[in-house]
Amino acid sequence: GLALLPFQLALLEWHRKSELSTDRAGLLAVQDAVVAQRGFMKLAGGPEYGDAASVEEFMRQAATYESGGDTWDEILKLVNTAFRDHPFNTVRAGALERWRTAGEYDAIVGGIYPRRTEPGPRLSDDYAEATSYYSSKVRRGFDNVSDAARRAADAFRDAFRGPDAPPSAPTGEPIPPV
């Protein structure tokens, strides 16, 4: 039911994030970012385009998808991805590129990574970090939705007031004349 929805959404989000880990492993295996990005491009557009499609343009589209848009675009992204098993290929490509350029890829290839013999973070620390991350993501999503709903309600109300009526303030109250 509805009470389980937040848990289902969190598990789907975790599942999508786990695919980003496999993408990192794939890049470590092929050790060629262009090959990895071309794979995402072919998954997104199909193999019929072959090598004719531009990896650079695909990566520009991935960056635009992640950075572009307003609150409404963020809501649409949330709705479009909430119940998906897999992240969009542009999202996967962008996340892999951010990871690679942040230096983690080069560190691992250079032999700098945690070893099993070294003490690692406690599991409870991982849980706390994950809880904080998903809580802030949910809060941000609810804030975006409520902001968009409030603006839509104000626009709807203003549309039916007539051309001579003062526009609504963000609270729905008329703005006093100056």
N, C-alpha and C. Protein backbone atom coordinates (compact mmCIF):
# COMPACT_ATOMS: atom_id res chain seq x y z
N GLY A 1 0.79 -1.18 0.00
CA GLY A 1 0.00 0.00 0.00
C GLY A 1 0.85 1.26 0.00
N LEU A 2 0.17 2.32 0.26
CA LEU A 2 0.79 3.64 0.26
C LEU A 2 1.84 3.80 1.35
N ALA A 3 1.65 3.11 2.47
CA ALA A 3 2.61 3.21 3.57
C ALA A 3 3.97 2.64 3.18
N LEU A 4 3.99 1.68 2.28
CA LEU A 4 5.26 1.06 1.86
C LEU A 4 5.94 1.81 0.71
N LEU A 5 5.25 2.77 0.12
CA LEU A 5 5.78 3.47 -1.04
C LEU A 5 7.16 4.09 -0.78
N PRO A 6 7.38 4.80 0.32
CA PRO A 6 8.73 5.37 0.54
C PRO A 6 9.82 4.30 0.57
N PHE A 7 9.53 3.15 1.14
CA PHE A 7 10.51 2.07 1.19
C PHE A 7 10.77 1.50 -0.21
N GLN A 8 9.70 1.33 -0.98
CA GLN A 8 9.85 0.84 -2.35
C GLN A 8 10.68 1.81 -3.19
N LEU A 9 10.38 3.10 -3.05
CA LEU A 9 11.13 4.10 -3.81
C LEU A 9 12.60 4.13 -3.39
N ALA A 10 12.85 3.99 -2.09
CA ALA A 10 14.24 3.97 -1.60
C ALA A 10 14.98 2.76 -2.14
N LEU A 11 14.33 1.60 -2.17
CA LEU A 11 14.98 0.40 -2.69
C LEU A 11 15.25 0.51 -4.19
N LEU A 12 14.31 1.09 -4.92
CA LEU A 12 14.54 1.30 -6.35
C LEU A 12 15.70 2.27 -6.58
N GLU A 13 15.76 3.32 -5.75
CA GLU A 13 16.88 4.27 -5.85
C GLU A 13 18.20 3.56 -5.57
N TRP A 14 18.22 2.74 -4.53
CA TRP A 14 19.43 1.98 -4.20
C TRP A 14 19.81 1.07 -5.37
N HIS A 15 18.82 0.42 -5.96
CA HIS A 15 19.08 -0.47 -7.09
C HIS A 15 19.69 0.30 -8.27
N ARG A 16 19.13 1.49 -8.54
CA ARG A 16 19.69 2.30 -9.63
C ARG A 16 21.12 2.74 -9.30
N LYS A 17 21.37 3.10 -8.05
CA LYS A 17 22.73 3.51 -7.65
C LYS A 17 23.70 2.34 -7.75
N SER A 18 23.22 1.13 -7.49
CA SER A 18 24.12 -0.03 -7.58
C SER A 18 24.60 -0.22 -9.02
N GLU A 19 23.79 0.17 -9.98
CA GLU A 19 24.22 0.07 -11.38
C GLU A 19 25.36 1.03 -11.67
N LEU A 20 25.40 2.16 -10.96
CA LEU A 20 26.52 3.08 -11.15
C LEU A 20 27.82 2.44 -10.69
N SER A 21 27.74 1.60 -9.66
CA SER A 21 28.93 0.87 -9.22
C SER A 21 29.40 -0.11 -10.28
N THR A 22 28.46 -0.78 -10.94
CA THR A 22 28.86 -1.71 -12.00
C THR A 22 29.45 -0.96 -13.19
N ASP A 23 28.94 0.25 -13.43
CA ASP A 23 29.51 1.06 -14.51
C ASP A 23 30.97 1.41 -14.20
N ARG A 24 31.25 1.71 -12.94
CA ARG A 24 32.63 2.01 -12.54
C ARG A 24 33.52 0.79 -12.74
N ALA A 25 33.00 -0.37 -12.37
CA ALA A 25 33.77 -1.61 -12.57
C ALA A 25 34.02 -1.84 -14.06
N GLY A 26 33.03 -1.53 -14.89
CA GLY A 26 33.20 -1.68 -16.33
C GLY A 26 34.29 -0.77 -16.87
N LEU A 27 34.32 0.48 -16.39
CA LEU A 27 35.37 1.39 -16.83
C LEU A 27 36.74 0.91 -16.38
N LEU A 28 36.81 0.39 -15.15
CA LEU A 28 38.09 -0.15 -14.68
C LEU A 28 38.53 -1.34 -15.53
N ALA A 29 37.57 -2.09 -16.05
CA ALA A 29 37.91 -3.25 -16.89
C ALA A 29 38.39 -2.83 -18.27
N VAL A 30 37.67 -1.90 -18.93
CA VAL A 30 38.06 -1.52 -20.29
C VAL A 30 39.13 -0.44 -20.30
N GLN A 31 39.21 0.34 -19.25
CA GLN A 31 40.18 1.43 -19.08
C GLN A 31 40.21 2.39 -20.27
N ASP A 32 39.02 2.67 -20.80
CA ASP A 32 38.90 3.63 -21.90
C ASP A 32 37.54 4.32 -21.75
N ALA A 33 37.56 5.59 -21.35
CA ALA A 33 36.31 6.31 -21.09
C ALA A 33 35.44 6.42 -22.33
N VAL A 34 36.04 6.62 -23.49
CA VAL A 34 35.27 6.77 -24.72
C VAL A 34 34.53 5.47 -25.05
N VAL A 35 35.17 4.34 -24.84
CA VAL A 35 34.51 3.05 -25.08
C VAL A 35 33.32 2.89 -24.14
N ALA A 36 33.51 3.24 -22.87
CA ALA A 36 32.41 3.14 -21.90
C ALA A 36 31.26 4.06 -22.28
N GLN A 37 31.57 5.31 -22.64
CA GLN A 37 30.52 6.27 -23.00
C GLN A 37 29.81 5.84 -24.29
N ARG A 38 30.56 5.29 -25.23
CA ARG A 38 29.93 4.81 -26.47
C ARG A 38 28.95 3.68 -26.15
N GLY A 39 29.28 2.85 -25.19
CA GLY A 39 28.36 1.79 -24.78
C GLY A 39 27.05 2.35 -24.27
N PHE A 40 27.11 3.39 -23.44
CA PHE A 40 25.88 4.03 -22.95
C PHE A 40 25.10 4.65 -24.11
N MET A 41 25.82 5.26 -25.03
CA MET A 41 25.18 5.90 -26.17
C MET A 41 24.43 4.86 -27.01
N LYS A 42 25.05 3.71 -27.23
CA LYS A 42 24.39 2.66 -28.02
C LYS A 42 23.20 2.08 -27.27
N LEU A 43 23.32 1.96 -25.95
CA LEU A 43 22.18 1.48 -25.17
C LEU A 43 21.02 2.48 -25.24
N ALA A 44 21.34 3.76 -25.25
CA ALA A 44 20.30 4.79 -25.28
C ALA A 44 19.64 4.89 -26.65
N GLY A 45 20.44 4.82 -27.73
CA GLY A 45 19.90 5.07 -29.05
C GLY A 45 19.79 3.86 -29.94
N GLY A 46 20.30 2.75 -29.49
CA GLY A 46 20.25 1.56 -30.30
C GLY A 46 21.50 1.40 -31.15
N PRO A 47 21.83 0.18 -31.50
CA PRO A 47 23.06 -0.09 -32.24
C PRO A 47 23.00 0.31 -33.71
N GLU A 48 21.81 0.65 -34.21
CA GLU A 48 21.70 0.93 -35.65
C GLU A 48 22.47 2.18 -36.07
N TYR A 49 22.78 3.05 -35.11
CA TYR A 49 23.54 4.26 -35.46
C TYR A 49 25.03 3.99 -35.53
N GLY A 50 25.46 2.88 -34.97
CA GLY A 50 26.87 2.49 -35.05
C GLY A 50 27.79 3.58 -34.54
N ASP A 51 28.85 3.79 -35.28
CA ASP A 51 29.84 4.79 -34.88
C ASP A 51 29.53 6.17 -35.47
N ALA A 52 28.39 6.31 -36.14
CA ALA A 52 28.05 7.59 -36.75
C ALA A 52 27.65 8.63 -35.71
N ALA A 53 27.12 8.19 -34.58
CA ALA A 53 26.71 9.13 -33.53
C ALA A 53 27.95 9.64 -32.80
N SER A 54 27.82 10.84 -32.26
CA SER A 54 28.95 11.50 -31.61
C SER A 54 28.92 11.28 -30.10
N VAL A 55 29.97 10.69 -29.57
CA VAL A 55 30.09 10.50 -28.12
C VAL A 55 30.14 11.86 -27.43
N GLU A 56 30.83 12.82 -28.04
CA GLU A 56 30.94 14.16 -27.45
C GLU A 56 29.56 14.81 -27.32
N GLU A 57 28.74 14.69 -28.36
CA GLU A 57 27.40 15.27 -28.32
C GLU A 57 26.53 14.55 -27.28
N PHE A 58 26.67 13.25 -27.21
CA PHE A 58 25.93 12.47 -26.21
C PHE A 58 26.30 12.94 -24.80
N MET A 59 27.58 13.18 -24.56
CA MET A 59 28.03 13.63 -23.25
C MET A 59 27.54 15.05 -22.96
N ARG A 60 27.45 15.90 -23.99
CA ARG A 60 26.87 17.24 -23.80
C ARG A 60 25.40 17.13 -23.40
N GLN A 61 24.68 16.21 -24.04
CA GLN A 61 23.28 16.00 -23.68
C GLN A 61 23.15 15.49 -22.25
N ALA A 62 24.06 14.61 -21.85
CA ALA A 62 24.03 14.10 -20.48
C ALA A 62 24.25 15.22 -19.49
N ALA A 63 25.20 16.11 -19.77
CA ALA A 63 25.47 17.24 -18.88
C ALA A 63 24.28 18.20 -18.84
N THR A 64 23.66 18.44 -19.98
CA THR A 64 22.50 19.32 -20.03
C THR A 64 21.34 18.73 -19.23
N TYR A 65 21.12 17.44 -19.36
CA TYR A 65 20.04 16.78 -18.62
C TYR A 65 20.23 16.96 -17.12
N GLU A 66 21.45 16.78 -16.65
CA GLU A 66 21.69 16.84 -15.22
C GLU A 66 21.71 18.26 -14.68
N SER A 67 22.17 19.22 -15.46
CA SER A 67 22.33 20.57 -14.92
C SER A 67 21.22 21.52 -15.33
N GLY A 68 20.51 21.20 -16.38
CA GLY A 68 19.52 22.13 -16.90
C GLY A 68 18.17 22.00 -16.23
N GLY A 69 17.40 23.06 -16.35
CA GLY A 69 16.02 22.99 -15.92
C GLY A 69 15.72 23.74 -14.64
N ASP A 70 14.44 23.89 -14.43
CA ASP A 70 13.94 24.58 -13.25
C ASP A 70 13.26 23.57 -12.33
N THR A 71 12.47 24.07 -11.41
CA THR A 71 11.80 23.20 -10.46
C THR A 71 10.89 22.20 -11.16
N TRP A 72 10.18 22.65 -12.17
CA TRP A 72 9.28 21.75 -12.90
C TRP A 72 10.06 20.62 -13.57
N ASP A 73 11.21 20.95 -14.15
CA ASP A 73 12.05 19.92 -14.76
C ASP A 73 12.53 18.92 -13.72
N GLU A 74 12.86 19.41 -12.53
CA GLU A 74 13.29 18.51 -11.46
C GLU A 74 12.15 17.56 -11.06
N ILE A 75 10.94 18.08 -11.01
CA ILE A 75 9.79 17.24 -10.68
C ILE A 75 9.59 16.18 -11.76
N LEU A 76 9.70 16.58 -13.02
CA LEU A 76 9.54 15.62 -14.11
C LEU A 76 10.62 14.55 -14.06
N LYS A 77 11.85 14.94 -13.74
CA LYS A 77 12.93 13.96 -13.61
C LYS A 77 12.60 12.97 -12.50
N LEU A 78 12.11 13.48 -11.38
CA LEU A 78 11.76 12.63 -10.25
C LEU A 78 10.66 11.65 -10.65
N VAL A 79 9.61 12.15 -11.29
CA VAL A 79 8.49 11.30 -11.70
C VAL A 79 8.95 10.27 -12.74
N ASN A 80 9.78 10.70 -13.68
CA ASN A 80 10.24 9.79 -14.74
C ASN A 80 11.16 8.69 -14.24
N THR A 81 11.86 8.93 -13.13
CA THR A 81 12.82 7.93 -12.66
C THR A 81 12.36 7.16 -11.43
N ALA A 82 11.35 7.64 -10.72
CA ALA A 82 10.98 7.05 -9.42
C ALA A 82 10.75 5.55 -9.48
N PHE A 83 10.06 5.06 -10.49
CA PHE A 83 9.71 3.65 -10.53
C PHE A 83 10.53 2.85 -11.54
N ARG A 84 11.60 3.43 -12.02
CA ARG A 84 12.48 2.74 -12.99
C ARG A 84 13.44 1.82 -12.26
N ASP A 85 13.73 0.69 -12.89
CA ASP A 85 14.74 -0.22 -12.35
C ASP A 85 16.15 0.27 -12.65
N HIS A 86 16.31 0.91 -13.80
CA HIS A 86 17.63 1.31 -14.27
C HIS A 86 17.67 2.82 -14.48
N PRO A 87 18.81 3.44 -14.19
CA PRO A 87 18.92 4.87 -14.49
C PRO A 87 18.97 5.08 -16.00
N PHE A 88 18.59 6.28 -16.44
CA PHE A 88 18.72 6.61 -17.85
C PHE A 88 20.19 6.51 -18.24
N ASN A 89 20.45 6.12 -19.46
CA ASN A 89 21.84 5.97 -19.91
C ASN A 89 22.60 7.28 -19.90
N THR A 90 21.91 8.40 -20.14
CA THR A 90 22.60 9.69 -20.05
C THR A 90 23.02 9.97 -18.61
N VAL A 91 22.18 9.58 -17.65
CA VAL A 91 22.53 9.77 -16.24
C VAL A 91 23.72 8.88 -15.88
N ARG A 92 23.70 7.66 -16.35
CA ARG A 92 24.82 6.74 -16.08
C ARG A 92 26.11 7.28 -16.68
N ALA A 93 26.04 7.78 -17.90
CA ALA A 93 27.23 8.32 -18.55
C ALA A 93 27.76 9.54 -17.80
N GLY A 94 26.86 10.42 -17.39
CA GLY A 94 27.27 11.61 -16.64
C GLY A 94 27.88 11.27 -15.30
N ALA A 95 27.27 10.32 -14.59
CA ALA A 95 27.79 9.92 -13.28
C ALA A 95 29.17 9.28 -13.42
N LEU A 96 29.34 8.46 -14.44
CA LEU A 96 30.64 7.82 -14.65
C LEU A 96 31.71 8.85 -14.99
N GLU A 97 31.35 9.84 -15.79
CA GLU A 97 32.32 10.88 -16.15
C GLU A 97 32.70 11.72 -14.93
N ARG A 98 31.73 12.05 -14.10
CA ARG A 98 32.04 12.80 -12.86
C ARG A 98 32.97 12.00 -11.97
N TRP A 99 32.72 10.71 -11.83
CA TRP A 99 33.57 9.85 -11.00
C TRP A 99 34.98 9.79 -11.57
N ARG A 100 35.06 9.65 -12.88
CA ARG A 100 36.37 9.56 -13.52
C ARG A 100 37.16 10.85 -13.36
N THR A 101 36.52 11.98 -13.62
CA THR A 101 37.24 13.26 -13.57
C THR A 101 37.49 13.73 -12.14
N ALA A 102 36.79 13.16 -11.17
CA ALA A 102 37.04 13.53 -9.76
C ALA A 102 38.35 12.93 -9.25
N GLY A 103 38.92 12.00 -10.01
CA GLY A 103 40.21 11.45 -9.64
C GLY A 103 40.16 10.07 -9.02
N GLU A 104 38.98 9.58 -8.70
CA GLU A 104 38.89 8.26 -8.07
C GLU A 104 39.33 7.15 -9.02
N TYR A 105 38.97 7.29 -10.28
CA TYR A 105 39.37 6.28 -11.28
C TYR A 105 40.90 6.21 -11.37
N ASP A 106 41.53 7.37 -11.52
CA ASP A 106 42.99 7.40 -11.63
C ASP A 106 43.66 6.85 -10.37
N ALA A 107 43.07 7.13 -9.20
CA ALA A 107 43.65 6.61 -7.96
C ALA A 107 43.60 5.08 -7.93
N ILE A 108 42.47 4.52 -8.32
CA ILE A 108 42.34 3.06 -8.30
C ILE A 108 43.30 2.43 -9.31
N VAL A 109 43.34 2.99 -10.52
CA VAL A 109 44.25 2.46 -11.54
C VAL A 109 45.70 2.59 -11.07
N GLY A 110 45.98 3.64 -10.29
CA GLY A 110 47.31 3.84 -9.75
C GLY A 110 47.61 3.02 -8.50
N GLY A 111 46.66 2.20 -8.06
CA GLY A 111 46.89 1.32 -6.92
C GLY A 111 46.53 1.92 -5.57
N ILE A 112 45.86 3.07 -5.57
CA ILE A 112 45.48 3.71 -4.31
C ILE A 112 44.00 3.44 -4.07
N TYR A 113 43.72 2.50 -3.20
CA TYR A 113 42.35 2.14 -2.83
C TYR A 113 42.40 1.38 -1.51
N PRO A 114 41.27 1.28 -0.80
CA PRO A 114 41.27 0.57 0.49
C PRO A 114 41.59 -0.90 0.30
N ARG A 115 42.37 -1.42 1.19
CA ARG A 115 42.73 -2.85 1.19
C ARG A 115 41.93 -3.55 2.28
N ARG A 116 41.71 -4.83 2.10
CA ARG A 116 40.96 -5.59 3.10
C ARG A 116 41.67 -5.62 4.45
N THR A 117 42.98 -5.51 4.43
CA THR A 117 43.74 -5.56 5.68
C THR A 117 43.69 -4.24 6.44
N GLU A 118 43.24 -3.16 5.78
CA GLU A 118 43.14 -1.86 6.44
C GLU A 118 41.78 -1.72 7.11
N PRO A 119 41.75 -1.05 8.27
CA PRO A 119 40.45 -0.83 8.90
C PRO A 119 39.61 0.13 8.05
N GLY A 120 38.37 -0.21 7.88
CA GLY A 120 37.47 0.62 7.08
C GLY A 120 36.45 1.32 7.95
N PRO A 121 35.57 2.07 7.33
CA PRO A 121 34.53 2.74 8.10
C PRO A 121 33.57 1.71 8.70
N ARG A 122 32.98 2.08 9.82
CA ARG A 122 32.02 1.18 10.46
C ARG A 122 30.74 1.14 9.65
N LEU A 123 30.06 0.01 9.70
CA LEU A 123 28.82 -0.15 8.97
C LEU A 123 27.78 0.87 9.43
N SER A 124 27.75 1.15 10.72
CA SER A 124 26.79 2.13 11.23
C SER A 124 27.05 3.51 10.63
N ASP A 125 28.32 3.84 10.34
CA ASP A 125 28.63 5.11 9.68
C ASP A 125 28.07 5.14 8.26
N ASP A 126 28.16 4.01 7.56
CA ASP A 126 27.58 3.92 6.22
C ASP A 126 26.06 4.10 6.27
N TYR A 127 25.41 3.47 7.26
CA TYR A 127 23.97 3.62 7.40
C TYR A 127 23.59 5.07 7.68
N ALA A 128 24.34 5.71 8.57
CA ALA A 128 24.05 7.10 8.91
C ALA A 128 24.21 8.01 7.69
N GLU A 129 25.26 7.77 6.91
CA GLU A 129 25.49 8.57 5.71
C GLU A 129 24.37 8.35 4.68
N ALA A 130 23.98 7.10 4.49
CA ALA A 130 22.90 6.80 3.54
C ALA A 130 21.58 7.41 4.00
N THR A 131 21.30 7.33 5.29
CA THR A 131 20.07 7.91 5.82
C THR A 131 20.04 9.41 5.60
N SER A 132 21.15 10.06 5.87
CA SER A 132 21.24 11.50 5.67
C SER A 132 21.05 11.86 4.19
N TYR A 133 21.69 11.12 3.31
CA TYR A 133 21.59 11.39 1.88
C TYR A 133 20.15 11.26 1.39
N TYR A 134 19.51 10.14 1.70
CA TYR A 134 18.16 9.91 1.20
C TYR A 134 17.15 10.82 1.87
N SER A 135 17.35 11.15 3.14
CA SER A 135 16.45 12.08 3.82
C SER A 135 16.49 13.45 3.16
N SER A 136 17.69 13.94 2.87
CA SER A 136 17.80 15.25 2.24
C SER A 136 17.22 15.22 0.83
N LYS A 137 17.39 14.10 0.14
CA LYS A 137 16.84 13.98 -1.21
C LYS A 137 15.30 14.00 -1.18
N VAL A 138 14.72 13.30 -0.21
CA VAL A 138 13.26 13.29 -0.08
C VAL A 138 12.75 14.67 0.29
N ARG A 139 13.42 15.33 1.25
CA ARG A 139 13.01 16.69 1.65
C ARG A 139 13.07 17.64 0.46
N ARG A 140 14.15 17.57 -0.30
CA ARG A 140 14.31 18.43 -1.47
C ARG A 140 13.20 18.15 -2.49
N GLY A 141 12.88 16.89 -2.69
CA GLY A 141 11.81 16.53 -3.61
C GLY A 141 10.46 17.07 -3.17
N PHE A 142 10.14 16.91 -1.88
CA PHE A 142 8.88 17.43 -1.36
C PHE A 142 8.84 18.95 -1.46
N ASP A 143 9.96 19.61 -1.17
CA ASP A 143 10.01 21.07 -1.28
C ASP A 143 9.75 21.51 -2.72
N ASN A 144 10.36 20.82 -3.67
CA ASN A 144 10.16 21.16 -5.08
C ASN A 144 8.72 20.95 -5.51
N VAL A 145 8.13 19.85 -5.07
CA VAL A 145 6.74 19.56 -5.43
C VAL A 145 5.80 20.59 -4.82
N SER A 146 5.99 20.91 -3.53
CA SER A 146 5.09 21.87 -2.89
C SER A 146 5.26 23.26 -3.49
N ASP A 147 6.49 23.63 -3.84
CA ASP A 147 6.73 24.93 -4.48
C ASP A 147 6.03 24.99 -5.84
N ALA A 148 6.16 23.93 -6.63
CA ALA A 148 5.52 23.90 -7.95
C ALA A 148 4.00 23.91 -7.82
N ALA A 149 3.47 23.18 -6.85
CA ALA A 149 2.02 23.15 -6.65
C ALA A 149 1.51 24.53 -6.23
N ARG A 150 2.25 25.20 -5.36
CA ARG A 150 1.84 26.54 -4.91
C ARG A 150 1.86 27.52 -6.08
N ARG A 151 2.90 27.46 -6.91
CA ARG A 151 2.97 28.36 -8.07
C ARG A 151 1.86 28.04 -9.08
N ALA A 152 1.57 26.75 -9.26
CA ALA A 152 0.50 26.38 -10.19
C ALA A 152 -0.85 26.87 -9.68
N ALA A 153 -1.09 26.74 -8.38
CA ALA A 153 -2.35 27.21 -7.79
C ALA A 153 -2.46 28.72 -7.93
N ASP A 154 -1.37 29.44 -7.70
CA ASP A 154 -1.40 30.90 -7.85
C ASP A 154 -1.67 31.29 -9.30
N ALA A 155 -1.04 30.61 -10.24
CA ALA A 155 -1.25 30.92 -11.66
C ALA A 155 -2.69 30.61 -12.06
N PHE A 156 -3.23 29.51 -11.57
CA PHE A 156 -4.61 29.15 -11.87
C PHE A 156 -5.57 30.20 -11.30
N ARG A 157 -5.33 30.60 -10.06
CA ARG A 157 -6.17 31.60 -9.41
C ARG A 157 -6.08 32.92 -10.16
N ASP A 158 -4.88 33.33 -10.55
CA ASP A 158 -4.69 34.59 -11.28
C ASP A 158 -5.38 34.55 -12.63
N ALA A 159 -5.41 33.39 -13.27
CA ALA A 159 -6.02 33.27 -14.59
C ALA A 159 -7.52 33.53 -14.54
N PHE A 160 -8.16 33.22 -13.41
CA PHE A 160 -9.60 33.39 -13.30
C PHE A 160 -10.02 34.68 -12.61
N ARG A 161 -9.08 35.49 -12.19
CA ARG A 161 -9.40 36.77 -11.55
C ARG A 161 -9.75 37.83 -12.56
N GLY A 162 -9.27 37.68 -13.75
CA GLY A 162 -9.52 38.70 -14.77
C GLY A 162 -8.31 39.59 -14.96
N PRO A 163 -8.27 40.30 -16.07
CA PRO A 163 -7.08 41.09 -16.40
C PRO A 163 -6.87 42.29 -15.48
N ASP A 164 -7.92 42.80 -14.84
CA ASP A 164 -7.78 44.00 -14.01
C ASP A 164 -7.48 43.69 -12.55
N ALA A 165 -7.58 42.42 -12.14
CA ALA A 165 -7.34 42.06 -10.74
C ALA A 165 -5.84 42.01 -10.47
N PRO A 166 -5.45 42.37 -9.23
CA PRO A 166 -4.01 42.29 -8.90
C PRO A 166 -3.58 40.83 -8.84
N PRO A 167 -2.34 40.54 -9.20
CA PRO A 167 -1.86 39.15 -9.14
C PRO A 167 -1.76 38.68 -7.70
N SER A 168 -1.76 37.38 -7.52
CA SER A 168 -1.64 36.80 -6.18
C SER A 168 -0.21 36.86 -5.70
N ALA A 169 -0.06 37.03 -4.40
CA ALA A 169 1.25 36.88 -3.77
C ALA A 169 1.52 35.38 -3.67
N PRO A 170 2.75 34.96 -3.36
CA PRO A 170 3.04 33.53 -3.27
C PRO A 170 2.16 32.79 -2.27
N THR A 171 1.55 33.48 -1.32
CA THR A 171 0.69 32.81 -0.34
C THR A 171 -0.72 32.62 -0.84
N GLY A 172 -1.04 33.19 -1.99
CA GLY A 172 -2.39 33.10 -2.52
C GLY A 172 -3.20 34.34 -2.21
N GLU A 173 -2.68 35.23 -1.38
CA GLU A 173 -3.37 36.47 -1.05
C GLU A 173 -3.10 37.50 -2.14
N PRO A 174 -4.08 38.38 -2.42
CA PRO A 174 -3.83 39.42 -3.42
C PRO A 174 -2.70 40.34 -2.96
N ILE A 175 -1.92 40.81 -3.91
CA ILE A 175 -0.86 41.77 -3.60
C ILE A 175 -1.51 43.14 -3.45
N PRO A 176 -1.27 43.82 -2.32
CA PRO A 176 -1.90 45.13 -2.15
C PRO A 176 -1.37 46.13 -3.17
N PRO A 177 -2.26 47.04 -3.64
CA PRO A 177 -1.80 48.04 -4.61
C PRO A 177 -0.79 48.99 -3.97
N VAL A 178 0.06 49.56 -4.79
CA VAL A 178 1.10 50.47 -4.29
C VAL A 178 0.59 51.88 -4.22
